[in-house]
Every structure is written in C-alpha cells, then in structure tokens.
Amino acid sequence: MADEVRHLTATIAAGTLSTAPAVVSIAFPPRTVRTIDWRVPPGPSGLMGWRLTMGGVQVLPDDSAPWVIDDNHAGTFVTDGYPDSGAWQVTGYNTGIYAHSVYLTFHLDLPKVPQPARSLINPVLLMPLPDIRALDRPPGGTR
C-alpha cells in the first residue's frame, strides 16, 4: 500500500495543436511513484492526446507511442525505477472545440530517510589524550 495518494486533473484547452502542445504542471514534492492510474472520460473522440513528461521530456507512455489517445478509457502505468523528483507534467493537444481532461491518481511512497553512517571506530579512541610530558620530569626540577 502506498504512503500517499494524490488525485490530479490536467485540462487541455480546445484548439491546442500537437505541434504546439500545452504543458500542465502537476508537480508535487519528491516522492517515489509506485503506480499512476489515469482516466479519460467520454468526449475527446480521438481529438485529444496526452503524455506524462518531466522538463518537457516524455516519460510515459514509453517511446513506442508518442501520445495516449483515448475516449472513455482508463489504465495504469507501473513506475518502478522512474524519476522521483516530483516535477511531473502533462503535455497534450486537443484539436476539438471543447476542453478535455485527463484524471490522474499517483500512488506514492515518502522518500526514505537516510540512516546515519555507522562508524567502525570506537569513539573512546577519538578522545584527546592527557598531556604526559609533566610526568616525564623529575619532581622539583628540570632535566
């Protein structure tokens, strides 16, 4: 089970061309993304395409498809090993006359807190040593 779930919506305005797609930020703090559920409700009829990006670079779907183009459909992306910066975006086009949205649910784990490094050196050995030079002199005199 994920530590956190975020529900996000990205709306692509009507008349947005694929040659000049809209970029909608859906950023959140750094998290490990386990899965992403998505849903496109009825309406786009093949006129809207979208993809998940970071910094303008396509992350999902993989390189085999440039866009998700669907109508009244849902799916899930499994994201083991994907970037965890939280800087997600939806990049999309919509050549229709009405705005259309994609609904996303991110299943997230909180970042792991690094454990302090364990030392193999006994801390007692790091304590300052007493000055023993005074013990090397004879009582009441100098050498």
Foldseek 3Di string as FASTA:
>chain_A
DFPDKDKDKDKFFEQFDPVRWDKAWPFDAFWAWFKKKKFWEADLQQQKWKAKDAPPHGDPPPPVDPTDGDGGDMDMDGAPPHGRRRRIIMTMGGHHNGMTMMMMMTRTHHDDDDDDDDDPDDVVVVDDDDDCPVVVADPPDGD
